[in-house]
Amino acid sequence: MHKSCPKCGQTFEPELGFYYGAMYVSFAFNVAIFLVFLFILYHLLGEVTMAMMIGVVAVVVLGFLPIIFRLSRVIWINFFIRYEGPASRIPRKAEA
């Protein structure tokens, strides 16, 4: 990952450990995935064993891991840094 945006110069890690909060966003996504697949399996099969649930969730979560990782970081940084428009329309920020 770049340290800052190549177009506008916005730093992607404003402080050390900034993205620890993104773990909570990622956890929320994973819980949502668990609940959705639990609901689907319950309606398709009627009885869902722990092994089935672990297997399905492990495969789905590992499959979506790159997407969930990036999406949780994007959501987390958007809580703290306001979108200012296209990079071509804003002044370049000073690099630290």
Protein backbone atom coordinates (compact mmCIF):
# COMPACT_ATOMS: atom_id res chain seq x y z
CA MET A 1 0.00 0.00 0.00
CA HIS A 2 1.26 3.47 -0.84
CA LYS A 3 2.16 5.76 2.08
CA SER A 4 0.21 8.58 0.44
CA CYS A 5 -2.04 9.22 -2.55
CA PRO A 6 0.07 9.68 -5.69
CA LYS A 7 -2.35 12.34 -7.01
CA CYS A 8 -3.22 14.56 -4.03
CA GLY A 9 -0.61 13.59 -1.43
CA GLN A 10 -3.13 12.59 1.30
CA THR A 11 -1.37 10.28 3.73
CA PHE A 12 -3.09 6.92 4.09
CA GLU A 13 -1.88 6.33 7.66
CA PRO A 14 -2.41 9.55 9.62
CA GLU A 15 -0.91 8.03 12.79
CA LEU A 16 0.75 4.85 13.93
CA GLY A 17 -1.81 2.07 14.44
CA PHE A 18 -4.55 4.05 12.70
CA TYR A 19 -6.14 0.98 11.12
CA TYR A 20 -6.66 -1.00 14.34
CA GLY A 21 -10.22 0.31 14.25
CA ALA A 22 -10.70 -1.26 10.82
CA MET A 23 -10.54 -4.64 12.56
CA TYR A 24 -13.89 -3.83 14.16
CA VAL A 25 -15.38 -2.96 10.78
CA SER A 26 -13.99 -6.22 9.38
CA PHE A 27 -15.46 -8.10 12.35
CA ALA A 28 -18.88 -6.58 11.63
CA PHE A 29 -18.65 -7.75 8.00
CA ASN A 30 -17.68 -11.25 9.09
CA VAL A 31 -20.54 -11.45 11.61
CA ALA A 32 -22.95 -10.33 8.89
CA ILE A 33 -21.61 -13.01 6.55
CA PHE A 34 -21.99 -15.62 9.30
CA LEU A 35 -25.61 -14.63 9.98
CA VAL A 36 -26.57 -14.54 6.30
CA PHE A 37 -25.13 -17.97 5.63
CA LEU A 38 -26.62 -19.39 8.82
CA PHE A 39 -30.03 -18.17 7.66
CA ILE A 40 -29.54 -19.57 4.16
CA LEU A 41 -28.31 -22.95 5.39
CA TYR A 42 -31.09 -23.21 7.94
CA HIS A 43 -33.76 -22.62 5.27
CA LEU A 44 -32.15 -24.94 2.73
CA LEU A 45 -31.27 -27.84 5.03
CA GLY A 46 -33.45 -27.47 8.11
CA GLU A 47 -30.73 -28.69 10.46
CA VAL A 48 -27.32 -27.04 10.44
CA THR A 49 -24.41 -28.72 12.21
CA MET A 50 -21.46 -26.84 13.65
CA ALA A 51 -19.10 -28.51 11.17
CA MET A 52 -21.22 -27.38 8.21
CA MET A 53 -21.35 -23.83 9.51
CA ILE A 54 -17.62 -23.65 10.19
CA GLY A 55 -16.84 -25.08 6.75
CA VAL A 56 -19.11 -22.74 4.83
CA VAL A 57 -18.12 -19.62 6.76
CA ALA A 58 -14.40 -20.45 6.54
CA VAL A 59 -14.58 -20.89 2.76
CA VAL A 60 -16.65 -17.74 2.20
CA VAL A 61 -14.68 -15.51 4.59
CA LEU A 62 -11.33 -16.68 3.23
CA GLY A 63 -12.63 -16.16 -0.32
CA PHE A 64 -13.74 -12.60 0.43
CA LEU A 65 -10.75 -11.75 2.65
CA PRO A 66 -9.01 -9.42 0.15
CA ILE A 67 -12.26 -7.52 -0.46
CA ILE A 68 -13.23 -7.31 3.23
CA PHE A 69 -9.71 -6.17 4.18
CA ARG A 70 -9.66 -3.29 1.71
CA LEU A 71 -13.29 -2.32 2.23
CA SER A 72 -12.94 -2.15 6.01
CA ARG A 73 -9.87 0.09 5.68
CA VAL A 74 -11.69 2.38 3.23
CA ILE A 75 -14.70 2.66 5.52
CA TRP A 76 -12.48 3.35 8.55
CA ILE A 77 -10.46 6.14 6.89
CA ASN A 78 -13.67 7.72 5.61
CA PHE A 79 -14.84 8.19 9.20
CA PHE A 80 -11.93 10.56 9.79
CA ILE A 81 -10.89 12.09 6.46
CA ARG A 82 -13.46 14.04 4.47
CA TYR A 83 -13.77 13.44 0.73
CA GLU A 84 -12.88 16.68 -1.05
CA GLY A 85 -13.68 15.71 -4.62
CA PRO A 86 -11.57 14.47 -7.52
CA ALA A 87 -7.81 14.71 -6.93
CA SER A 88 -7.43 16.91 -9.99
CA ARG A 89 -9.56 19.64 -8.36
CA ILE A 90 -7.92 19.87 -4.92
CA PRO A 91 -4.49 21.25 -4.01
CA ARG A 92 -1.72 18.75 -3.29
CA LYS A 93 -1.21 18.16 0.42
CA ALA A 94 2.23 18.50 2.00
CA GLU A 95 3.93 15.15 2.57
CA ALA A 96 5.12 14.37 6.07
